[in-house]
C-alpha atoms as a PDB file:
ATOM      1  CA  MET A   1       0.000   0.000   0.000  1.00  0.00           C
ATOM      2  CA  PRO A   2       1.404   3.394  -0.881  1.00  0.00           C
ATOM      3  CA  PHE A   3       0.174   4.841   2.396  1.00  0.00           C
ATOM      4  CA  ARG A   4       2.016   6.072   5.455  1.00  0.00           C
ATOM      5  CA  PHE A   5       0.682   6.920   8.868  1.00  0.00           C
ATOM      6  CA  GLU A   6       1.859  10.056  10.616  1.00  0.00           C
ATOM      7  CA  HIS A   7       4.713   9.758  13.096  1.00  0.00           C
ATOM      8  CA  SER A   8       3.912   9.668  16.796  1.00  0.00           C
ATOM      9  CA  ALA A   9       5.630  13.040  17.248  1.00  0.00           C
ATOM     10  CA  LYS A  10       3.117  14.639  14.867  1.00  0.00           C
ATOM     11  CA  PRO A  11      -0.345  15.720  16.057  1.00  0.00           C
ATOM     12  CA  VAL A  12      -3.350  13.450  15.572  1.00  0.00           C
ATOM     13  CA  ILE A  13      -5.077  14.079  12.234  1.00  0.00           C
ATOM     14  CA  SER A  14      -8.516  15.692  12.097  1.00  0.00           C
ATOM     15  CA  ARG A  15     -11.688  13.628  12.138  1.00  0.00           C
ATOM     16  CA  LYS A  16     -12.370  14.542   8.517  1.00  0.00           C
ATOM     17  CA  ARG A  17      -8.952  13.254   7.383  1.00  0.00           C
ATOM     18  CA  TYR A  18      -9.407  10.181   9.588  1.00  0.00           C
ATOM     19  CA  ALA A  19     -12.766   9.444   7.945  1.00  0.00           C
ATOM     20  CA  GLY A  20     -11.115   9.745   4.532  1.00  0.00           C
ATOM     21  CA  ARG A  21      -8.335   7.413   5.645  1.00  0.00           C
ATOM     22  CA  GLN A  22     -10.879   4.916   6.944  1.00  0.00           C
ATOM     23  CA  LEU A  23     -12.735   5.030   3.612  1.00  0.00           C
ATOM     24  CA  THR A  24      -9.456   4.433   1.780  1.00  0.00           C
ATOM     25  CA  PHE A  25      -8.749   1.369   3.878  1.00  0.00           C
ATOM     26  CA  LEU A  26     -12.337   0.190   3.405  1.00  0.00           C
ATOM     27  CA  PHE A  27     -11.667   0.358  -0.330  1.00  0.00           C
ATOM     28  CA  TYR A  28      -8.451  -1.687   0.070  1.00  0.00           C
ATOM     29  CA  SER A  29     -10.327  -4.218   2.180  1.00  0.00           C
ATOM     30  CA  SER A  30     -13.048  -4.448  -0.472  1.00  0.00           C
ATOM     31  CA  LEU A  31     -10.402  -5.131  -3.118  1.00  0.00           C
ATOM     32  CA  ILE A  32      -9.011  -7.986  -1.041  1.00  0.00           C
ATOM     33  CA  MET A  33     -12.510  -9.411  -0.553  1.00  0.00           C
ATOM     34  CA  SER A  34     -13.313  -9.093  -4.258  1.00  0.00           C
ATOM     35  CA  PHE A  35     -10.118 -10.924  -5.199  1.00  0.00           C
ATOM     36  CA  GLY A  36     -10.914 -13.715  -2.742  1.00  0.00           C
ATOM     37  CA  LEU A  37     -14.458 -14.009  -4.052  1.00  0.00           C
ATOM     38  CA  MET A  38     -13.240 -14.077  -7.654  1.00  0.00           C
ATOM     39  CA  VAL A  39     -10.843 -16.929  -6.874  1.00  0.00           C
ATOM     40  CA  GLY A  40     -13.700 -18.905  -5.328  1.00  0.00           C
ATOM     41  CA  VAL A  41     -16.208 -18.257  -8.102  1.00  0.00           C
ATOM     42  CA  LEU A  42     -13.738 -19.226 -10.818  1.00  0.00           C
ATOM     43  CA  GLY A  43     -12.612 -22.311  -8.929  1.00  0.00           C
ATOM     44  CA  TYR A  44     -16.106 -23.549  -8.198  1.00  0.00           C
ATOM     45  CA  HIS A  45     -17.104 -22.950 -11.803  1.00  0.00           C
ATOM     46  CA  TRP A  46     -14.066 -24.451 -13.548  1.00  0.00           C
ATOM     47  CA  ILE A  47     -12.962 -27.117 -11.068  1.00  0.00           C
ATOM     48  CA  ALA A  48     -16.256 -28.168  -9.469  1.00  0.00           C
ATOM     49  CA  GLY A  49     -18.304 -27.611 -12.631  1.00  0.00           C
ATOM     50  CA  LEU A  50     -21.006 -25.569 -10.918  1.00  0.00           C
ATOM     51  CA  PRO A  51     -23.032 -22.931 -12.786  1.00  0.00           C
ATOM     52  CA  TRP A  52     -21.956 -19.311 -12.284  1.00  0.00           C
ATOM     53  CA  VAL A  53     -24.695 -18.439  -9.793  1.00  0.00           C
ATOM     54  CA  ASP A  54     -24.068 -21.561  -7.711  1.00  0.00           C
ATOM     55  CA  SER A  55     -20.340 -20.837  -7.837  1.00  0.00           C
ATOM     56  CA  LEU A  56     -20.972 -17.334  -6.524  1.00  0.00           C
ATOM     57  CA  LEU A  57     -23.227 -18.685  -3.779  1.00  0.00           C
ATOM     58  CA  ASN A  58     -20.724 -21.291  -2.619  1.00  0.00           C
ATOM     59  CA  ALA A  59     -17.765 -18.893  -2.761  1.00  0.00           C
ATOM     60  CA  SER A  60     -19.721 -16.240  -0.850  1.00  0.00           C
ATOM     61  CA  MET A  61     -20.799 -18.686   1.819  1.00  0.00           C
ATOM     62  CA  ILE A  62     -17.269 -20.028   2.301  1.00  0.00           C
ATOM     63  CA  LEU A  63     -15.738 -16.540   2.325  1.00  0.00           C
ATOM     64  CA  GLY A  64     -18.346 -15.420   4.838  1.00  0.00           C
ATOM     65  CA  GLY A  65     -17.603 -18.368   7.109  1.00  0.00           C
ATOM     66  CA  MET A  66     -20.934 -20.141   6.648  1.00  0.00           C
ATOM     67  CA  GLY A  67     -19.790 -23.222   4.745  1.00  0.00           C
ATOM     68  CA  PRO A  68     -20.537 -24.692   1.331  1.00  0.00           C
ATOM     69  CA  VAL A  69     -24.057 -25.123  -0.048  1.00  0.00           C
ATOM     70  CA  ASP A  70     -23.630 -27.745  -2.770  1.00  0.00           C
ATOM     71  CA  ALA A  71     -22.216 -31.236  -2.289  1.00  0.00           C
ATOM     72  CA  LEU A  72     -19.109 -31.702  -4.406  1.00  0.00           C
ATOM     73  CA  GLN A  73     -18.691 -34.921  -6.379  1.00  0.00           C
ATOM     74  CA  THR A  74     -15.093 -35.083  -7.608  1.00  0.00           C
ATOM     75  CA  SER A  75     -11.884 -35.294  -5.619  1.00  0.00           C
ATOM     76  CA  SER A  76     -10.441 -32.243  -7.368  1.00  0.00           C
ATOM     77  CA  ALA A  77     -13.520 -30.209  -6.424  1.00  0.00           C
ATOM     78  CA  LYS A  78     -13.231 -31.341  -2.810  1.00  0.00           C
ATOM     79  CA  LEU A  79      -9.535 -30.477  -2.726  1.00  0.00           C
ATOM     80  CA  PHE A  80     -10.267 -27.041  -4.193  1.00  0.00           C
ATOM     81  CA  ALA A  81     -12.995 -26.458  -1.607  1.00  0.00           C
ATOM     82  CA  SER A  82     -10.685 -27.379   1.267  1.00  0.00           C
ATOM     83  CA  PHE A  83      -7.873 -25.115   0.049  1.00  0.00           C
ATOM     84  CA  TYR A  84     -10.338 -22.339  -0.694  1.00  0.00           C
ATOM     85  CA  ALA A  85     -11.719 -22.599   2.842  1.00  0.00           C
ATOM     86  CA  LEU A  86      -8.204 -22.145   4.265  1.00  0.00           C
ATOM     87  CA  PHE A  87      -7.530 -19.312   1.828  1.00  0.00           C
ATOM     88  CA  SER A  88     -10.819 -17.657   2.830  1.00  0.00           C
ATOM     89  CA  GLY A  89      -9.790 -17.661   6.477  1.00  0.00           C
ATOM     90  CA  LEU A  90      -6.604 -15.818   5.574  1.00  0.00           C
ATOM     91  CA  VAL A  91      -8.541 -13.375   3.392  1.00  0.00           C
ATOM     92  CA  PHE A  92     -10.914 -12.664   6.282  1.00  0.00           C
ATOM     93  CA  ILE A  93      -8.046 -12.053   8.721  1.00  0.00           C
ATOM     94  CA  THR A  94      -6.260  -9.814   6.205  1.00  0.00           C
ATOM     95  CA  MET A  95      -9.420  -7.823   5.469  1.00  0.00           C
ATOM     96  CA  THR A  96     -10.027  -7.312   9.171  1.00  0.00           C
ATOM     97  CA  GLY A  97      -6.454  -6.167   9.748  1.00  0.00           C
ATOM     98  CA  VAL A  98      -6.560  -3.710   6.857  1.00  0.00           C
ATOM     99  CA  LEU A  99      -9.926  -2.363   7.966  1.00  0.00           C
ATOM    100  CA  LEU A 100      -8.872  -1.929  11.604  1.00  0.00           C
ATOM    101  CA  ALA A 101      -5.390  -0.484  10.941  1.00  0.00           C
ATOM    102  CA  PRO A 102      -6.436   3.211  10.847  1.00  0.00           C
ATOM    103  CA  PHE A 103      -8.543   2.799  13.997  1.00  0.00           C
ATOM    104  CA  ALA A 104      -5.756   0.994  15.872  1.00  0.00           C
ATOM    105  CA  HIS A 105      -3.197   3.589  14.787  1.00  0.00           C
ATOM    106  CA  ARG A 106      -5.413   6.484  15.854  1.00  0.00           C
ATOM    107  CA  LEU A 107      -6.160   4.844  19.206  1.00  0.00           C
ATOM    108  CA  LEU A 108      -2.480   4.204  19.919  1.00  0.00           C
ATOM    109  CA  HIS A 109      -1.615   7.714  18.759  1.00  0.00           C
ATOM    110  CA  LEU A 110      -4.193   9.204  21.125  1.00  0.00           C
ATOM    111  CA  LEU A 111      -3.092   7.054  24.066  1.00  0.00           C
ATOM    112  CA  HIS A 112       0.598   7.873  23.614  1.00  0.00           C
ATOM    113  CA  GLY A 113       0.251  11.437  22.376  1.00  0.00           C
ATOM    114  CA  ASP A 114       1.694  13.017  25.469  1.00  0.00           C
ATOM    115  CA  GLU A 115       4.868  10.889  25.652  1.00  0.00           C
ATOM    116  CA  GLY A 116       6.796  13.306  23.436  1.00  0.00           C
ATOM    117  CA  GLU A 117       6.388  16.010  26.097  1.00  0.00           C
ATOM    118  CA  LYS A 118       8.081  14.002  28.871  1.00  0.00           C
END
């Protein structure tokens, strides 16, 4: 990401700039989610042989942590589903980290803002 947070010696940014930063990171998180969903849809369609809508449903359910909808018949489809489930867990953790980074930085900046004066 071509983005840098302000140094702890600098003042905390305004709420308006913070909201813009949070929206930027929401966009990055959405890109990560879209990539993860695309991998699942393409895999379910090409490897498991499901129609596009069923592929989207299964990929969305796995990515959301709910589990698959359709029973898979082939070994390759089952292997894809297991690896995609592991991949989806990592995508979820990454999305959460990206989305919470500006909040965590601001909170730490606010809590340690007076240390430069000591």
